[in-house]
Each structure stands twice: as C-alpha cells, then as structure tokens.
Amino acid sequence: MVDPEVLDRIAARRAELDGLEQQLVKQLDQVRAERDELAVAERGLARMSERIAGERAAGAPTSAQVGGRAVLLVPHRRDSPDETALPGDYRRILSIVRAADGPVQVRAVGEELGLEVEVRGKPEPLRAKLVKLADRGWLHKRPDGKFTARL
C-alpha cells in the first residue's frame, strides 16, 4: 500500500505543475500575439520602403502619413542637391526667393504667390514652408526674419 503522505505530495506537485502550465500557456499566447504584431509591422514597413524607393527613383516628391494626412517630405539639400526633389510649391517659393534682388520677407513671397497676406494668419503656412526650406539648407533665414537663397 502507498503511503497517503506520498499521494498528497504527488497531488500537490501535480497542482503546482498544472498552475505553472497555465502560466506558460498564457505567456506563450502573449509571445505569439506580439510576434504576429511585429510581422504585420515589418510587412507595412517593407511596403512603405518600397513605395518611397519607387518615388525617389521616379523623381517624385515623397509623401508620408502624419496624423492621418498625407504630408510631402522636403529633403535636405545635402541629400539631394537637385531642386527637382522638392515638391512643386516649394520649388516655386525657392524660385521667387532666388529671383528677388535681395533678402525677402514672407509677405513679399506671399504677394508673389497671390496669397491674401493682409489677412491675419494667412502667411503663417507660407512662413512655415520658408523656415522648412531654411532648416533643410535650401534657403538662409537671416536674424531679421528675411530669407535669401543659398548659392
């Protein structure tokens, strides 16, 4: 006959192992779910990389999704010294600044583009584009807030 104490120990160990098995199954499910999420992210990244590479090869301006909206990316001048890499509205702004006799204000560029520069706040998106061109090395922003073309 088997000792009842041994049977109790076996039953306790079996219950302990069953609990451990449940924990491991739960952890395995979490690991598998995270791996599936990573696989989806990798596929999305691969598609986006292919699209960006195709657009760059075609010379088209690159766009991305930011906050659910399509946004054109402005390359750094050192990465793409050819201004055809810029979106059309940025190329137009750059040509206006280059055609000016000297440093230009945002207002002057806006007038040349036909914007309502007298209306408060209307020139601000244009100012942001000029600053972006300056930040990326296409223009120079002077301390007085005027812009000049880089040579």
Protein backbone atom coordinates (compact mmCIF):
# COMPACT_ATOMS: atom_id res chain seq x y z
CA MET A 1 0.00 0.00 0.00
CA VAL A 2 1.12 3.54 -0.86
CA ASP A 3 1.68 5.99 1.91
CA PRO A 4 -1.08 8.69 1.97
CA GLU A 5 1.56 11.39 2.60
CA VAL A 6 3.30 10.49 -0.67
CA LEU A 7 -0.03 10.63 -2.51
CA ASP A 8 -0.69 14.09 -1.01
CA ARG A 9 2.75 15.29 -2.12
CA ILE A 10 2.18 13.94 -5.63
CA ALA A 11 -1.22 15.65 -5.82
CA ALA A 12 0.25 18.94 -4.55
CA ARG A 13 3.09 18.76 -7.08
CA ARG A 14 0.64 17.96 -9.89
CA ALA A 15 -1.49 21.01 -8.93
CA GLU A 16 1.66 23.16 -8.83
CA LEU A 17 2.72 21.93 -12.28
CA ASP A 18 -0.81 22.49 -13.66
CA GLY A 19 -0.69 26.10 -12.44
CA LEU A 20 2.76 26.57 -13.98
CA GLU A 21 1.50 25.07 -17.25
CA GLN A 22 -1.37 27.57 -17.33
CA GLN A 23 1.04 30.46 -16.79
CA LEU A 24 3.33 29.21 -19.56
CA VAL A 25 0.42 28.77 -21.98
CA LYS A 26 -0.69 32.34 -21.25
CA GLN A 27 2.86 33.66 -21.77
CA LEU A 28 3.19 31.67 -24.99
CA ASP A 29 -0.06 33.17 -26.29
CA GLN A 30 1.24 36.68 -25.48
CA VAL A 31 4.56 35.97 -27.22
CA ARG A 32 2.78 34.65 -30.31
CA ALA A 33 0.46 37.68 -30.42
CA GLU A 34 3.42 40.06 -30.17
CA ARG A 35 5.30 38.15 -32.89
CA ASP A 36 2.23 38.44 -35.14
CA GLU A 37 2.11 42.21 -34.49
CA LEU A 38 5.80 42.52 -35.36
CA ALA A 39 5.26 40.59 -38.59
CA VAL A 40 2.46 42.98 -39.58
CA ALA A 41 4.69 45.98 -38.75
CA GLU A 42 7.54 44.52 -40.80
CA ARG A 43 5.28 43.99 -43.82
CA GLY A 44 3.95 47.55 -43.53
CA LEU A 45 7.46 48.95 -43.25
CA ALA A 46 8.63 46.92 -46.23
CA ARG A 47 5.71 48.20 -48.36
CA MET A 48 6.38 51.79 -47.30
CA SER A 49 10.11 51.44 -48.00
CA GLU A 50 9.39 50.02 -51.46
CA ARG A 51 6.97 52.87 -52.21
CA ILE A 52 9.44 55.51 -51.05
CA ALA A 53 12.24 53.94 -53.06
CA GLY A 54 9.99 53.87 -56.13
CA GLU A 55 9.02 57.51 -55.70
CA ARG A 56 12.61 58.57 -55.26
CA ALA A 57 13.60 56.64 -58.35
CA ALA A 58 10.80 58.32 -60.28
CA GLY A 59 11.89 61.74 -59.03
CA ALA A 60 8.50 62.36 -57.43
CA PRO A 61 8.27 64.14 -54.12
CA THR A 62 7.99 61.74 -51.22
CA SER A 63 4.91 61.81 -49.03
CA ALA A 64 4.14 60.29 -45.68
CA GLN A 65 1.15 59.94 -43.38
CA VAL A 66 1.17 62.22 -40.35
CA GLY A 67 -1.91 62.33 -38.20
CA GLY A 68 -3.87 60.61 -40.95
CA ARG A 69 -2.99 63.30 -43.52
CA ALA A 70 -0.62 62.99 -46.46
CA VAL A 71 2.37 65.27 -45.97
CA LEU A 72 5.10 65.95 -48.53
CA LEU A 73 8.63 65.48 -47.30
CA VAL A 74 11.22 68.13 -48.06
CA PRO A 75 14.69 66.58 -48.43
CA HIS A 76 17.85 68.14 -47.04
CA ARG A 77 19.86 69.93 -49.69
CA ARG A 78 22.96 67.88 -48.91
CA ASP A 79 20.97 64.67 -49.57
CA SER A 80 19.51 65.89 -52.85
CA PRO A 81 21.22 68.97 -54.34
CA ASP A 82 18.83 68.89 -57.31
CA GLU A 83 15.77 71.02 -56.53
CA THR A 84 13.55 68.74 -58.61
CA ALA A 85 13.40 66.58 -55.47
CA LEU A 86 11.32 69.35 -53.88
CA PRO A 87 7.52 69.40 -54.15
CA GLY A 88 6.19 71.91 -56.71
CA ASP A 89 5.08 74.60 -54.25
CA TYR A 90 8.49 74.54 -52.54
CA ARG A 91 10.25 74.86 -55.92
CA ARG A 92 8.06 77.88 -56.72
CA ILE A 93 8.91 79.51 -53.36
CA LEU A 94 12.61 78.84 -53.96
CA SER A 95 12.46 80.42 -57.43
CA ILE A 96 10.72 83.54 -56.05
CA VAL A 97 13.41 84.00 -53.39
CA ARG A 98 16.17 83.44 -55.96
CA ALA A 99 14.60 85.96 -58.36
CA ALA A 100 14.47 88.69 -55.69
CA ASP A 101 17.08 91.44 -55.70
CA GLY A 102 17.92 90.84 -52.04
CA PRO A 103 16.53 89.37 -48.86
CA VAL A 104 12.75 88.90 -48.97
CA GLN A 105 10.07 88.90 -46.32
CA VAL A 106 7.36 86.27 -46.10
CA ARG A 107 4.85 88.93 -47.11
CA ALA A 108 6.66 89.61 -50.41
CA VAL A 109 6.78 85.91 -51.28
CA GLY A 110 3.09 85.60 -50.39
CA GLU A 111 2.17 88.52 -52.62
CA GLU A 112 4.11 86.94 -55.49
CA LEU A 113 2.19 83.70 -54.92
CA GLY A 114 -1.12 85.58 -54.87
CA LEU A 115 -1.94 84.91 -51.21
CA GLU A 116 -4.05 87.23 -49.07
CA VAL A 117 -1.12 88.43 -46.96
CA GLU A 118 -3.17 91.25 -45.40
CA VAL A 119 -5.41 88.75 -43.60
CA ARG A 120 -4.00 87.91 -40.19
CA GLY A 121 -2.63 84.37 -40.05
CA LYS A 122 -2.76 83.71 -43.81
CA PRO A 123 1.03 83.99 -44.31
CA GLU A 124 1.82 81.57 -41.46
CA PRO A 125 1.72 78.34 -43.53
CA LEU A 126 3.98 80.06 -46.06
CA ARG A 127 6.32 81.14 -43.26
CA ALA A 128 6.47 77.50 -42.11
CA LYS A 129 7.44 76.41 -45.64
CA LEU A 130 10.16 79.07 -45.86
CA VAL A 131 11.51 78.04 -42.46
CA LYS A 132 11.45 74.37 -43.51
CA LEU A 133 13.42 75.26 -46.66
CA ALA A 134 15.90 77.15 -44.48
CA ASP A 135 16.15 74.29 -41.98
CA ARG A 136 16.85 71.86 -44.81
CA GLY A 137 19.59 74.07 -46.32
CA TRP A 138 17.75 75.39 -49.39
CA LEU A 139 17.39 78.95 -48.05
CA HIS A 140 19.10 81.10 -45.44
CA LYS A 141 16.99 82.74 -42.75
CA ARG A 142 18.53 85.98 -41.57
CA PRO A 143 18.21 87.28 -38.00
CA ASP A 144 15.78 89.98 -39.21
CA GLY A 145 13.38 87.25 -40.41
CA LYS A 146 14.08 87.74 -44.11
CA PHE A 147 15.15 84.93 -46.41
CA THR A 148 17.87 84.66 -49.04
CA ALA A 149 18.77 81.87 -51.44
CA ARG A 150 21.83 79.74 -50.76
CA LEU A 151 24.28 79.54 -53.57
